[in-house]
Each structure stands twice: as structure tokens, then as C-alpha cells.
């Protein structure tokens, strides 16, 4: 009888765990209806990155892409945004938003400047800035570097980039 109660209790515990997991909201990948093509402010972990599928924990390195139909996709790392956007047929028509590290606001991602050595969620190293500083690159260059694997997540490239930086280059 004691063994039966232990088994029933164990089964009940498993059922309770599964039910509690099922009730947690899952992060969204796409927001629809953004016909104004404006950035959508969000709470941490409300959305997941359209490229790497990680929940977005902060706006700090985040980006958004709004398609012509108002569908907004979210990114935890501007490197993910660049990699994803490069593969899209509507890449040139999309509205791109990035959250800047210097002014802490959403700006047009195509007008932002990108640093190369940030500690970003996916380790690509690109941080968005509104104001240009020495050594920063533009949006198109950042996207091209993501396509070619020229980012800090590529250890060989990162090593070369660090050596160049130590020698005073960009």
C-alpha cells in the first residue's frame, strides 16, 4: 500500500509540473499589425530572436525589422539582425530599428554606427550607436561582415581583429 501511494504521489507531482509549464507564456517571434513601422517597446523575454531563437532579455543590443505588411521581427543581437536580414527578399524595403548604447533609444538601424568589440548576447561584437566614433562601421558594412563571418563569434577572425586593434588599426 505504501509503494502505491509513493507511485501515485510521484505521478501527481509530474502532472503538476507539466501543467505549470504549459501555463507559462511562450515568447513571441513576430508582432503583427505594425503598419506605422515604428519600433515596438517590449518587456524582457516577451519576444524571441528571429535568427537564433533566444528569448530577448534586454533592449541593450536589440533590433527590430518591420516588413511592408507590418510584421515585426525581433533580434537579441544586431549581428543576428544583420545575418537574418541579408537572407530576406525584402531586405532593402524593410524598416530597421536598433537600440543605441550611447543615447539609449530606438533609431533607424541604417543610420546607426556599429562598434566592433561589444560583449553582445550572441558574441558577434556589434553595438549600435547614434554618434559615430573612430573605428565604427556603417550598417551595410556590418551586414556584409555578418555574411562573411567577420565578427567576434568567429575565433580566427576575432584574433586577427584584436591583433589589428593592438597595432592601432580598425
N, C-alpha and C. Protein backbone atom coordinates (compact mmCIF):
# COMPACT_ATOMS: atom_id res chain seq x y z
N UNK A 1 0.83 -1.20 0.00
CA UNK A 1 0.00 0.00 0.00
C UNK A 1 0.87 1.26 0.00
N UNK A 2 1.97 1.21 0.76
CA UNK A 2 2.85 2.36 0.86
C UNK A 2 3.49 2.65 -0.49
N UNK A 3 3.90 1.60 -1.21
CA UNK A 3 4.51 1.77 -2.52
C UNK A 3 3.53 2.39 -3.51
N UNK A 4 2.28 1.99 -3.43
CA UNK A 4 1.26 2.52 -4.34
C UNK A 4 1.05 4.02 -4.10
N UNK A 5 1.05 4.43 -2.83
CA UNK A 5 0.91 5.85 -2.50
C UNK A 5 2.10 6.66 -3.02
N UNK A 6 3.31 6.12 -2.92
CA UNK A 6 4.51 6.79 -3.43
C UNK A 6 4.42 6.95 -4.94
N UNK A 7 4.00 5.91 -5.63
CA UNK A 7 3.87 5.96 -7.09
C UNK A 7 2.81 6.99 -7.49
N UNK A 8 1.66 6.98 -6.85
CA UNK A 8 0.59 7.93 -7.15
C UNK A 8 1.06 9.36 -6.85
N UNK A 9 1.76 9.54 -5.75
CA UNK A 9 2.29 10.87 -5.40
C UNK A 9 3.30 11.36 -6.43
N UNK A 10 4.15 10.47 -6.90
CA UNK A 10 5.16 10.81 -7.91
C UNK A 10 4.48 11.20 -9.22
N UNK A 11 3.48 10.44 -9.63
CA UNK A 11 2.74 10.73 -10.86
C UNK A 11 2.03 12.08 -10.73
N UNK A 12 1.43 12.34 -9.57
CA UNK A 12 0.74 13.61 -9.34
C UNK A 12 1.73 14.78 -9.43
N UNK A 13 2.92 14.61 -8.90
CA UNK A 13 3.95 15.64 -8.96
C UNK A 13 4.35 15.94 -10.41
N UNK A 14 4.52 14.92 -11.20
CA UNK A 14 4.87 15.09 -12.62
C UNK A 14 3.75 15.82 -13.36
N UNK A 15 2.51 15.45 -13.09
CA UNK A 15 1.37 16.11 -13.73
C UNK A 15 1.34 17.59 -13.36
N UNK A 16 1.55 17.92 -12.11
CA UNK A 16 1.55 19.32 -11.65
C UNK A 16 2.67 20.10 -12.34
N UNK A 17 3.84 19.51 -12.47
CA UNK A 17 4.97 20.18 -13.14
C UNK A 17 4.63 20.46 -14.60
N UNK A 18 4.11 19.48 -15.30
CA UNK A 18 3.75 19.67 -16.71
C UNK A 18 2.65 20.72 -16.88
N UNK A 19 1.68 20.73 -16.02
CA UNK A 19 0.61 21.72 -16.10
C UNK A 19 1.14 23.12 -15.84
N UNK A 20 2.04 23.28 -14.89
CA UNK A 20 2.59 24.61 -14.61
C UNK A 20 3.45 25.11 -15.76
N UNK A 21 4.17 24.21 -16.43
CA UNK A 21 4.98 24.60 -17.59
C UNK A 21 4.09 25.02 -18.76
N UNK A 22 2.99 24.35 -18.93
CA UNK A 22 2.09 24.65 -20.04
C UNK A 22 1.43 26.01 -19.88
N UNK A 23 1.31 26.50 -18.66
CA UNK A 23 0.65 27.77 -18.41
C UNK A 23 1.57 28.98 -18.58
N UNK A 24 2.88 28.78 -18.67
CA UNK A 24 3.80 29.90 -18.85
C UNK A 24 3.70 30.41 -20.29
N UNK A 25 3.62 31.73 -20.44
CA UNK A 25 3.56 32.25 -21.80
C UNK A 25 4.89 32.05 -22.52
N UNK A 26 4.80 31.66 -23.77
CA UNK A 26 6.00 31.46 -24.56
C UNK A 26 6.32 32.75 -25.30
N UNK A 27 7.60 33.05 -25.48
CA UNK A 27 7.96 34.29 -26.19
C UNK A 27 7.43 34.26 -27.63
N UNK A 28 7.04 35.43 -28.10
CA UNK A 28 6.56 35.57 -29.46
C UNK A 28 7.74 35.81 -30.39
N UNK A 29 7.60 35.45 -31.64
CA UNK A 29 8.64 35.68 -32.65
C UNK A 29 8.27 36.88 -33.52
N UNK A 30 6.98 37.03 -33.80
CA UNK A 30 6.51 38.09 -34.70
C UNK A 30 5.36 38.85 -34.05
N UNK A 31 5.39 40.17 -34.21
CA UNK A 31 4.24 41.01 -33.85
C UNK A 31 3.61 41.46 -35.16
N UNK A 32 2.31 41.38 -35.26
CA UNK A 32 1.63 41.79 -36.50
C UNK A 32 0.93 43.13 -36.30
N UNK A 33 0.58 43.75 -37.43
CA UNK A 33 -0.21 44.97 -37.37
C UNK A 33 0.58 46.26 -37.16
N UNK A 34 1.89 46.22 -37.29
CA UNK A 34 2.70 47.43 -37.09
C UNK A 34 2.75 48.23 -38.40
N UNK A 35 1.60 48.72 -38.83
CA UNK A 35 1.54 49.44 -40.10
C UNK A 35 2.18 50.82 -40.03
N UNK A 36 2.42 51.33 -38.84
CA UNK A 36 3.12 52.61 -38.68
C UNK A 36 4.63 52.43 -38.82
N UNK A 37 5.08 51.18 -38.80
CA UNK A 37 6.50 50.84 -38.95
C UNK A 37 7.38 51.49 -37.88
N UNK A 38 6.86 51.56 -36.67
CA UNK A 38 7.58 52.13 -35.54
C UNK A 38 8.17 51.01 -34.68
N UNK A 39 9.21 51.31 -33.90
CA UNK A 39 9.75 50.27 -33.02
C UNK A 39 8.71 49.92 -31.95
N UNK A 40 8.71 48.66 -31.57
CA UNK A 40 7.78 48.18 -30.55
C UNK A 40 8.58 47.98 -29.27
N UNK A 41 8.21 48.72 -28.24
CA UNK A 41 8.87 48.55 -26.96
C UNK A 41 8.36 47.23 -26.36
N UNK A 42 9.22 46.52 -25.66
CA UNK A 42 8.82 45.21 -25.16
C UNK A 42 9.43 44.94 -23.79
N UNK A 43 8.83 44.00 -23.09
CA UNK A 43 9.32 43.55 -21.81
C UNK A 43 10.35 42.44 -22.03
N UNK A 44 11.32 42.30 -21.14
CA UNK A 44 12.29 41.21 -21.28
C UNK A 44 11.60 39.86 -21.42
N UNK A 45 12.09 39.07 -22.35
CA UNK A 45 11.65 37.70 -22.63
C UNK A 45 10.23 37.60 -23.20
N UNK A 46 9.65 38.73 -23.64
CA UNK A 46 8.34 38.70 -24.28
C UNK A 46 8.45 38.20 -25.71
N UNK A 47 9.61 38.43 -26.32
CA UNK A 47 9.84 38.01 -27.70
C UNK A 47 11.12 37.20 -27.78
N UNK A 48 11.23 36.41 -28.84
CA UNK A 48 12.47 35.68 -29.06
C UNK A 48 13.06 36.11 -30.39
N UNK A 49 14.36 35.97 -30.49
CA UNK A 49 15.10 36.39 -31.67
C UNK A 49 14.68 35.56 -32.89
N UNK A 50 14.41 36.24 -33.99
CA UNK A 50 14.00 35.56 -35.22
C UNK A 50 15.15 34.77 -35.86
N UNK A 51 16.38 35.09 -35.51
CA UNK A 51 17.53 34.38 -36.09
C UNK A 51 17.98 33.22 -35.19
N UNK A 52 18.32 33.50 -33.95
CA UNK A 52 18.90 32.47 -33.08
C UNK A 52 17.89 31.81 -32.14
N UNK A 53 16.68 32.36 -32.07
CA UNK A 53 15.56 31.83 -31.26
C UNK A 53 15.74 32.00 -29.75
N UNK A 54 16.71 32.78 -29.32
CA UNK A 54 16.90 33.04 -27.89
C UNK A 54 15.87 34.07 -27.42
N UNK A 55 15.35 33.94 -26.20
CA UNK A 55 14.48 34.99 -25.66
C UNK A 55 15.30 36.29 -25.51
N UNK A 56 14.68 37.40 -25.81
CA UNK A 56 15.37 38.69 -25.75
C UNK A 56 15.25 39.22 -24.33
N UNK A 57 16.36 39.25 -23.63
CA UNK A 57 16.37 39.63 -22.23
C UNK A 57 16.46 41.11 -21.97
N UNK A 58 16.87 41.88 -22.99
CA UNK A 58 17.10 43.30 -22.79
C UNK A 58 17.09 44.02 -24.14
N UNK A 59 16.80 45.33 -24.09
CA UNK A 59 16.86 46.14 -25.31
C UNK A 59 18.30 46.50 -25.67
N UNK A 60 19.23 46.33 -24.77
CA UNK A 60 20.58 46.87 -24.90
C UNK A 60 21.21 46.63 -26.27
N UNK A 61 21.15 45.44 -26.81
CA UNK A 61 21.73 45.13 -28.12
C UNK A 61 20.65 44.72 -29.13
N UNK A 62 19.41 45.04 -28.82
CA UNK A 62 18.27 44.56 -29.61
C UNK A 62 18.07 45.33 -30.91
N UNK A 63 17.35 44.68 -31.80
CA UNK A 63 16.96 45.29 -33.06
C UNK A 63 15.61 44.74 -33.49
N UNK A 64 14.98 45.46 -34.42
CA UNK A 64 13.69 45.05 -34.96
C UNK A 64 13.68 45.30 -36.46
N UNK A 65 13.01 44.44 -37.18
CA UNK A 65 12.81 44.62 -38.62
C UNK A 65 11.31 44.59 -38.87
N UNK A 66 10.82 45.64 -39.54
CA UNK A 66 9.40 45.72 -39.86
C UNK A 66 9.25 45.57 -41.38
N UNK A 67 8.52 44.55 -41.81
CA UNK A 67 8.26 44.31 -43.22
C UNK A 67 7.14 45.24 -43.70
N UNK A 68 6.97 45.32 -45.00
CA UNK A 68 5.95 46.19 -45.59
C UNK A 68 4.55 45.87 -45.08
N UNK A 69 4.28 44.61 -44.75
CA UNK A 69 2.95 44.20 -44.27
C UNK A 69 2.74 44.47 -42.78
N UNK A 70 3.71 45.09 -42.12
CA UNK A 70 3.57 45.42 -40.70
C UNK A 70 4.01 44.33 -39.75
N UNK A 71 4.53 43.21 -40.27
CA UNK A 71 5.04 42.16 -39.39
C UNK A 71 6.41 42.60 -38.86
N UNK A 72 6.54 42.57 -37.54
CA UNK A 72 7.79 42.98 -36.89
C UNK A 72 8.48 41.76 -36.32
N UNK A 73 9.74 41.63 -36.65
CA UNK A 73 10.58 40.56 -36.10
C UNK A 73 11.58 41.19 -35.15
N UNK A 74 11.97 40.42 -34.14
CA UNK A 74 12.80 40.92 -33.06
C UNK A 74 14.13 40.17 -33.01
N UNK A 75 15.17 40.86 -32.53
CA UNK A 75 16.51 40.28 -32.51
C UNK A 75 17.19 40.65 -31.20
N UNK A 76 17.87 39.69 -30.60
CA UNK A 76 18.57 39.92 -29.33
C UNK A 76 19.94 40.55 -29.54
N UNK A 77 20.46 40.50 -30.76
CA UNK A 77 21.81 40.95 -31.09
C UNK A 77 21.73 41.55 -32.49
N UNK A 78 22.31 42.75 -32.69
CA UNK A 78 22.24 43.34 -34.03
C UNK A 78 22.96 42.49 -35.06
N UNK A 79 23.88 41.65 -34.64
CA UNK A 79 24.52 40.70 -35.56
C UNK A 79 23.49 39.71 -36.08
N UNK A 80 22.61 39.23 -35.21
CA UNK A 80 21.53 38.34 -35.65
C UNK A 80 20.63 39.06 -36.64
N UNK A 81 20.32 40.33 -36.37
CA UNK A 81 19.50 41.12 -37.28
C UNK A 81 20.16 41.19 -38.65
N UNK A 82 21.45 41.51 -38.70
CA UNK A 82 22.18 41.60 -39.96
C UNK A 82 22.20 40.30 -40.73
N UNK A 83 22.46 39.20 -40.02
CA UNK A 83 22.51 37.88 -40.67
C UNK A 83 21.14 37.49 -41.22
N UNK A 84 20.08 37.73 -40.45
CA UNK A 84 18.74 37.38 -40.88
C UNK A 84 18.29 38.25 -42.05
N UNK A 85 18.48 39.56 -41.93
CA UNK A 85 18.00 40.48 -42.95
C UNK A 85 18.67 40.22 -44.30
N UNK A 86 19.93 39.87 -44.30
CA UNK A 86 20.66 39.63 -45.55
C UNK A 86 20.02 38.52 -46.39
N UNK A 87 19.29 37.62 -45.74
CA UNK A 87 18.67 36.48 -46.43
C UNK A 87 17.24 36.76 -46.92
N UNK A 88 16.73 37.94 -46.63
CA UNK A 88 15.33 38.23 -46.93
C UNK A 88 15.16 38.93 -48.28
N UNK A 89 14.14 38.53 -49.05
CA UNK A 89 13.92 39.18 -50.35
C UNK A 89 13.50 40.65 -50.22
N UNK A 90 12.96 41.04 -49.07
CA UNK A 90 12.50 42.41 -48.84
C UNK A 90 13.52 43.25 -48.06
N UNK A 91 14.78 42.79 -48.01
CA UNK A 91 15.80 43.43 -47.16
C UNK A 91 15.96 44.93 -47.42
N UNK A 92 15.84 45.36 -48.66
CA UNK A 92 16.04 46.77 -48.97
C UNK A 92 14.84 47.64 -48.65
N UNK A 93 13.65 47.05 -48.56
CA UNK A 93 12.43 47.80 -48.28
C UNK A 93 12.07 47.79 -46.79
N UNK A 94 12.66 46.91 -46.03
CA UNK A 94 12.31 46.76 -44.61
C UNK A 94 12.73 47.99 -43.80
N UNK A 95 11.95 48.26 -42.77
CA UNK A 95 12.32 49.30 -41.81
C UNK A 95 13.14 48.61 -40.71
N UNK A 96 14.28 49.18 -40.39
CA UNK A 96 15.19 48.58 -39.40
C UNK A 96 15.34 49.52 -38.22
N UNK A 97 15.15 48.98 -37.02
CA UNK A 97 15.33 49.74 -35.78
C UNK A 97 16.38 49.07 -34.93
N UNK A 98 17.24 49.85 -34.30
CA UNK A 98 18.21 49.33 -33.33
C UNK A 98 18.17 50.20 -32.09
N UNK A 99 18.46 49.59 -30.96
CA UNK A 99 18.52 50.32 -29.70
C UNK A 99 19.98 50.72 -29.48
N UNK A 100 20.20 52.02 -29.28
CA UNK A 100 21.57 52.51 -29.22
C UNK A 100 22.16 52.47 -27.81
N UNK A 101 23.45 52.23 -27.76
CA UNK A 101 24.15 52.18 -26.49
C UNK A 101 24.47 53.57 -25.95
N UNK A 102 24.63 54.55 -26.85
CA UNK A 102 25.01 55.89 -26.38
C UNK A 102 23.80 56.74 -26.00
N UNK A 103 22.74 56.75 -26.80
CA UNK A 103 21.58 57.59 -26.50
C UNK A 103 20.42 56.81 -25.89
N UNK A 104 20.55 55.52 -25.84
CA UNK A 104 19.54 54.63 -25.24
C UNK A 104 18.13 54.90 -25.76
N UNK A 105 18.05 54.84 -27.09
CA UNK A 105 16.74 54.99 -27.73
C UNK A 105 16.76 54.23 -29.05
N UNK A 106 15.57 54.00 -29.61
CA UNK A 106 15.44 53.33 -30.89
C UNK A 106 15.73 54.33 -32.00
N UNK A 107 16.60 53.94 -32.95
CA UNK A 107 16.86 54.78 -34.12
C UNK A 107 16.85 53.91 -35.38
N UNK A 108 16.81 54.56 -36.52
CA UNK A 108 16.89 53.87 -37.81
C UNK A 108 18.21 53.11 -37.87
N UNK A 109 18.12 51.80 -37.98
CA UNK A 109 19.33 50.96 -37.97
C UNK A 109 20.25 51.21 -39.14
N UNK A 110 19.71 51.71 -40.24
CA UNK A 110 20.54 52.00 -41.41
C UNK A 110 21.36 53.27 -41.23
N UNK A 111 20.98 54.08 -40.25
CA UNK A 111 21.71 55.33 -39.96
C UNK A 111 22.61 55.21 -38.73
N UNK A 112 22.56 54.08 -38.08
CA UNK A 112 23.37 53.87 -36.88
C UNK A 112 24.81 53.56 -37.27
N UNK A 113 25.67 53.68 -36.29
CA UNK A 113 27.09 53.30 -36.41
C UNK A 113 27.31 52.13 -35.48
N UNK A 114 28.20 51.23 -35.88
CA UNK A 114 28.37 49.99 -35.14
C UNK A 114 29.81 49.82 -34.68
N UNK A 115 29.93 49.61 -33.36
CA UNK A 115 31.23 49.28 -32.80
C UNK A 115 31.50 47.81 -33.07
N UNK A 116 32.72 47.40 -32.90
CA UNK A 116 33.12 46.03 -33.25
C UNK A 116 33.42 45.14 -32.06
N UNK A 117 33.55 45.70 -30.87
CA UNK A 117 34.09 44.94 -29.75
C UNK A 117 33.19 44.90 -28.51
N UNK A 118 31.89 44.88 -28.72
CA UNK A 118 30.96 44.82 -27.59
C UNK A 118 30.76 43.36 -27.15
N UNK A 119 30.37 43.21 -25.90
CA UNK A 119 30.05 41.89 -25.36
C UNK A 119 28.55 41.66 -25.57
N UNK A 120 28.18 41.20 -26.77
CA UNK A 120 26.78 41.08 -27.16
C UNK A 120 26.21 39.69 -26.81
N UNK A 121 24.89 39.57 -26.78
CA UNK A 121 24.28 38.29 -26.39
C UNK A 121 24.78 37.08 -27.17
N UNK A 122 24.99 37.21 -28.47
CA UNK A 122 25.44 36.07 -29.28
C UNK A 122 26.94 36.16 -29.59
N UNK A 123 27.60 37.15 -29.05
CA UNK A 123 29.06 37.25 -29.19
C UNK A 123 29.56 37.79 -30.52
N UNK A 124 28.67 38.42 -31.31
CA UNK A 124 29.12 38.96 -32.60
C UNK A 124 29.94 40.23 -32.44
N UNK A 125 29.69 40.99 -31.37
CA UNK A 125 30.52 42.15 -31.07
C UNK A 125 30.01 43.49 -31.57
N UNK A 126 28.93 43.52 -32.34
CA UNK A 126 28.44 44.78 -32.89
C UNK A 126 27.47 45.47 -31.94
N UNK A 127 27.79 46.70 -31.59
CA UNK A 127 26.90 47.50 -30.77
C UNK A 127 26.47 48.72 -31.55
N UNK A 128 25.20 49.10 -31.48
CA UNK A 128 24.67 50.23 -32.24
C UNK A 128 24.84 51.53 -31.47
N UNK A 129 25.24 52.56 -32.20
CA UNK A 129 25.43 53.90 -31.64
C UNK A 129 24.81 54.93 -32.57
N UNK A 130 24.31 56.00 -31.99
CA UNK A 130 23.78 57.09 -32.80
C UNK A 130 24.90 58.01 -33.27
N UNK A 131 25.88 58.19 -32.42
CA UNK A 131 27.00 59.08 -32.75
C UNK A 131 28.22 58.26 -33.16
N UNK A 132 28.82 58.67 -34.27
CA UNK A 132 29.98 57.96 -34.81
C UNK A 132 31.24 58.29 -34.02
N UNK A 133 32.02 57.24 -33.77
CA UNK A 133 33.34 57.37 -33.14
C UNK A 133 34.34 56.65 -34.03
N UNK A 134 35.59 56.90 -33.80
CA UNK A 134 36.65 56.26 -34.58
C UNK A 134 36.52 54.74 -34.51
N UNK A 135 36.72 54.10 -35.64
CA UNK A 135 36.70 52.64 -35.70
C UNK A 135 35.33 52.02 -35.90
N UNK A 136 34.28 52.83 -35.94
CA UNK A 136 32.93 52.30 -36.14
C UNK A 136 32.65 52.10 -37.62
N UNK A 137 31.69 51.22 -37.90
CA UNK A 137 31.31 50.91 -39.27
C UNK A 137 29.83 51.23 -39.48
N UNK A 138 29.42 51.35 -40.74
CA UNK A 138 28.02 51.62 -41.05
C UNK A 138 27.21 50.32 -41.12
N UNK A 139 25.93 50.47 -41.34
CA UNK A 139 25.00 49.33 -41.35
C UNK A 139 25.36 48.32 -42.44
N UNK A 140 25.55 48.80 -43.67
CA UNK A 140 25.85 47.89 -44.78
C UNK A 140 27.12 47.09 -44.52
N UNK A 141 28.13 47.73 -43.95
CA UNK A 141 29.38 47.03 -43.65
C UNK A 141 29.15 45.97 -42.57
N UNK A 142 28.34 46.31 -41.57
CA UNK A 142 28.04 45.34 -40.51
C UNK A 142 27.35 44.11 -41.09
N UNK A 143 26.36 44.34 -41.97
CA UNK A 143 25.63 43.22 -42.59
C UNK A 143 26.58 42.37 -43.43
N UNK A 144 27.43 43.00 -44.20
CA UNK A 144 28.40 42.26 -45.03
C UNK A 144 29.36 41.46 -44.17
N UNK A 145 29.78 42.02 -43.05
CA UNK A 145 30.67 41.28 -42.15
C UNK A 145 29.97 40.07 -41.55
N UNK A 146 28.70 40.21 -41.26
CA UNK A 146 27.95 39.06 -40.75
C UNK A 146 27.85 37.98 -41.82
N UNK A 147 27.61 38.37 -43.06
CA UNK A 147 27.51 37.40 -44.16
C UNK A 147 28.82 36.65 -44.36
N UNK A 148 29.93 37.34 -44.17
CA UNK A 148 31.25 36.74 -44.40
C UNK A 148 31.83 36.08 -43.14
N UNK A 149 31.12 36.17 -42.03
CA UNK A 149 31.63 35.58 -40.79
C UNK A 149 32.71 36.43 -40.14
N UNK A 150 32.75 37.70 -40.48
CA UNK A 150 33.76 38.60 -39.93
C UNK A 150 33.20 39.29 -38.69
N UNK A 151 33.17 38.54 -37.60
CA UNK A 151 32.66 39.04 -36.34
C UNK A 151 33.36 38.31 -35.20
N UNK A 152 33.14 38.75 -33.99
CA UNK A 152 33.86 38.18 -32.83
C UNK A 152 33.47 36.74 -32.51
N UNK A 153 32.33 36.27 -33.03
CA UNK A 153 31.95 34.87 -32.80
C UNK A 153 32.84 33.91 -33.59
N UNK A 154 33.49 34.42 -34.63
CA UNK A 154 34.45 33.65 -35.43
C UNK A 154 35.82 33.84 -34.76
N UNK A 155 36.28 32.84 -34.04
CA UNK A 155 37.51 32.97 -33.23
C UNK A 155 38.73 33.37 -34.05
N UNK A 156 38.89 32.80 -35.23
CA UNK A 156 40.04 33.15 -36.06
C UNK A 156 39.99 34.61 -36.49
N UNK A 157 38.82 35.05 -36.91
CA UNK A 157 38.67 36.44 -37.32
C UNK A 157 38.85 37.36 -36.11
N UNK A 158 38.28 36.98 -34.97
CA UNK A 158 38.39 37.80 -33.77
C UNK A 158 39.85 37.98 -33.37
N UNK A 159 40.62 36.93 -33.48
CA UNK A 159 42.05 37.01 -33.15
C UNK A 159 42.76 38.00 -34.06
N UNK A 160 42.50 37.91 -35.36
CA UNK A 160 43.11 38.85 -36.31
C UNK A 160 42.67 40.29 -36.03
N UNK A 161 41.39 40.47 -35.73
CA UNK A 161 40.85 41.80 -35.45
C UNK A 161 41.49 42.38 -34.18
N UNK A 162 41.65 41.56 -33.17
CA UNK A 162 42.28 42.01 -31.92
C UNK A 162 43.74 42.39 -32.15
N UNK A 163 44.43 41.61 -32.96
CA UNK A 163 45.83 41.92 -33.28
C UNK A 163 45.92 43.25 -34.02
N UNK A 164 45.03 43.44 -34.97
CA UNK A 164 45.00 44.69 -35.74
C UNK A 164 44.69 45.87 -34.82
N UNK A 165 43.77 45.67 -33.89
CA UNK A 165 43.41 46.72 -32.92
C UNK A 165 44.61 47.06 -32.04
N UNK A 166 45.34 46.05 -31.61
CA UNK A 166 46.53 46.27 -30.77
C UNK A 166 47.60 47.06 -31.51
N UNK A 167 47.64 46.87 -32.84
CA UNK A 167 48.62 47.58 -33.67
C UNK A 167 48.13 48.98 -34.04
N UNK A 168 46.94 49.36 -33.58
CA UNK A 168 46.42 50.70 -33.86
C UNK A 168 45.47 50.79 -35.04
N UNK A 169 45.12 49.69 -35.66
CA UNK A 169 44.19 49.70 -36.80
C UNK A 169 42.78 49.47 -36.36
N UNK A 170 41.85 49.48 -37.32
CA UNK A 170 40.43 49.22 -37.02
C UNK A 170 40.15 47.79 -37.27
